């Protein structure tokens, strides 16, 4: 049940980002950190 809940949250955040509706502040922080880490590697 927990795995399904996490998967549903991931899918919904992806849909919000794809639709350019924005995301909550935590997801914005995680996206920024992901971009910084990807750039450094």
N, C-alpha and C. Protein backbone atom coordinates (compact mmCIF):
# COMPACT_ATOMS: atom_id res chain seq x y z
N UNK A 1 0.82 -1.17 0.00
CA UNK A 1 0.00 0.00 0.00
C UNK A 1 0.88 1.25 0.00
N UNK A 2 1.96 1.22 0.75
CA UNK A 2 2.86 2.36 0.81
C UNK A 2 3.52 2.62 -0.54
N UNK A 3 3.94 1.57 -1.21
CA UNK A 3 4.58 1.71 -2.52
C UNK A 3 3.60 2.32 -3.52
N UNK A 4 2.35 1.89 -3.47
CA UNK A 4 1.35 2.45 -4.38
C UNK A 4 1.11 3.94 -4.09
N UNK A 5 1.13 4.31 -2.82
CA UNK A 5 0.94 5.71 -2.45
C UNK A 5 2.09 6.58 -2.94
N UNK A 6 3.31 6.10 -2.78
CA UNK A 6 4.48 6.85 -3.26
C UNK A 6 4.46 6.95 -4.78
N UNK A 7 4.09 5.87 -5.45
CA UNK A 7 4.01 5.89 -6.91
C UNK A 7 2.95 6.88 -7.38
N UNK A 8 1.81 6.92 -6.71
CA UNK A 8 0.74 7.85 -7.08
C UNK A 8 1.20 9.30 -6.89
N UNK A 9 1.92 9.57 -5.81
CA UNK A 9 2.44 10.92 -5.59
C UNK A 9 3.45 11.30 -6.67
N UNK A 10 4.31 10.38 -7.03
CA UNK A 10 5.30 10.64 -8.07
C UNK A 10 4.65 10.92 -9.42
N UNK A 11 3.64 10.14 -9.75
CA UNK A 11 2.94 10.34 -11.01
C UNK A 11 2.23 11.69 -11.03
N UNK A 12 1.59 12.03 -9.92
CA UNK A 12 0.85 13.30 -9.89
C UNK A 12 1.80 14.50 -9.95
N UNK A 13 2.95 14.44 -9.30
CA UNK A 13 3.92 15.53 -9.38
C UNK A 13 4.45 15.64 -10.80
N UNK A 14 4.69 14.51 -11.44
CA UNK A 14 5.14 14.54 -12.83
C UNK A 14 4.11 15.16 -13.76
N UNK A 15 2.83 14.87 -13.51
CA UNK A 15 1.77 15.46 -14.33
C UNK A 15 1.69 16.97 -14.12
N UNK A 16 1.83 17.42 -12.87
CA UNK A 16 1.82 18.86 -12.60
C UNK A 16 2.99 19.56 -13.28
N UNK A 17 4.18 18.95 -13.24
CA UNK A 17 5.34 19.56 -13.89
C UNK A 17 5.16 19.58 -15.40
N UNK A 18 4.63 18.52 -15.97
CA UNK A 18 4.42 18.44 -17.42
C UNK A 18 3.39 19.47 -17.88
N UNK A 19 2.38 19.71 -17.08
CA UNK A 19 1.33 20.66 -17.43
C UNK A 19 1.73 22.10 -17.09
N UNK A 20 2.91 22.30 -16.53
CA UNK A 20 3.42 23.63 -16.15
C UNK A 20 2.50 24.33 -15.16
N UNK A 21 1.88 23.58 -14.26
CA UNK A 21 1.02 24.15 -13.22
C UNK A 21 1.79 24.48 -11.96
N UNK A 22 3.04 24.08 -11.90
CA UNK A 22 3.84 24.33 -10.72
C UNK A 22 3.75 23.17 -9.74
N UNK A 23 4.62 23.19 -8.77
CA UNK A 23 4.66 22.14 -7.76
C UNK A 23 4.78 22.80 -6.39
N UNK A 24 4.64 21.99 -5.35
CA UNK A 24 4.76 22.52 -4.00
C UNK A 24 6.23 22.89 -3.71
N UNK A 25 6.48 23.67 -2.66
CA UNK A 25 7.84 24.14 -2.38
C UNK A 25 8.85 23.01 -2.20
N UNK A 26 8.46 21.90 -1.58
CA UNK A 26 9.40 20.81 -1.37
C UNK A 26 9.84 20.20 -2.70
N UNK A 27 8.90 19.98 -3.61
CA UNK A 27 9.25 19.42 -4.91
C UNK A 27 10.09 20.40 -5.71
N UNK A 28 9.84 21.69 -5.54
CA UNK A 28 10.66 22.70 -6.19
C UNK A 28 12.10 22.62 -5.70
N UNK A 29 12.28 22.46 -4.39
CA UNK A 29 13.61 22.30 -3.81
C UNK A 29 14.29 21.04 -4.34
N UNK A 30 13.56 19.94 -4.39
CA UNK A 30 14.14 18.69 -4.87
C UNK A 30 14.52 18.78 -6.36
N UNK A 31 13.72 19.47 -7.15
CA UNK A 31 14.04 19.65 -8.57
C UNK A 31 15.31 20.49 -8.73
N UNK A 32 15.44 21.52 -7.91
CA UNK A 32 16.64 22.35 -7.95
C UNK A 32 17.87 21.58 -7.54
N UNK A 33 17.77 20.80 -6.47
CA UNK A 33 18.91 19.99 -6.04
C UNK A 33 19.28 18.95 -7.09
N UNK A 34 18.28 18.37 -7.72
CA UNK A 34 18.53 17.40 -8.78
C UNK A 34 19.29 18.05 -9.93
N UNK A 35 18.90 19.27 -10.31
CA UNK A 35 19.58 19.96 -11.40
C UNK A 35 21.03 20.28 -11.02
N UNK A 36 21.27 20.69 -9.77
CA UNK A 36 22.63 20.99 -9.33
C UNK A 36 23.48 19.74 -9.31
N UNK A 37 22.93 18.65 -8.80
CA UNK A 37 23.69 17.39 -8.74
C UNK A 37 23.97 16.86 -10.14
N UNK A 38 23.00 16.95 -11.03
CA UNK A 38 23.19 16.49 -12.41
C UNK A 38 24.27 17.33 -13.09
N UNK A 39 24.30 18.64 -12.82
CA UNK A 39 25.27 19.54 -13.44
C UNK A 39 26.68 19.22 -12.96
N UNK A 40 26.81 18.86 -11.68
CA UNK A 40 28.14 18.59 -11.10
C UNK A 40 28.71 17.27 -11.56
N UNK A 41 27.88 16.34 -11.94
CA UNK A 41 28.37 15.02 -12.32
C UNK A 41 28.59 14.97 -13.76
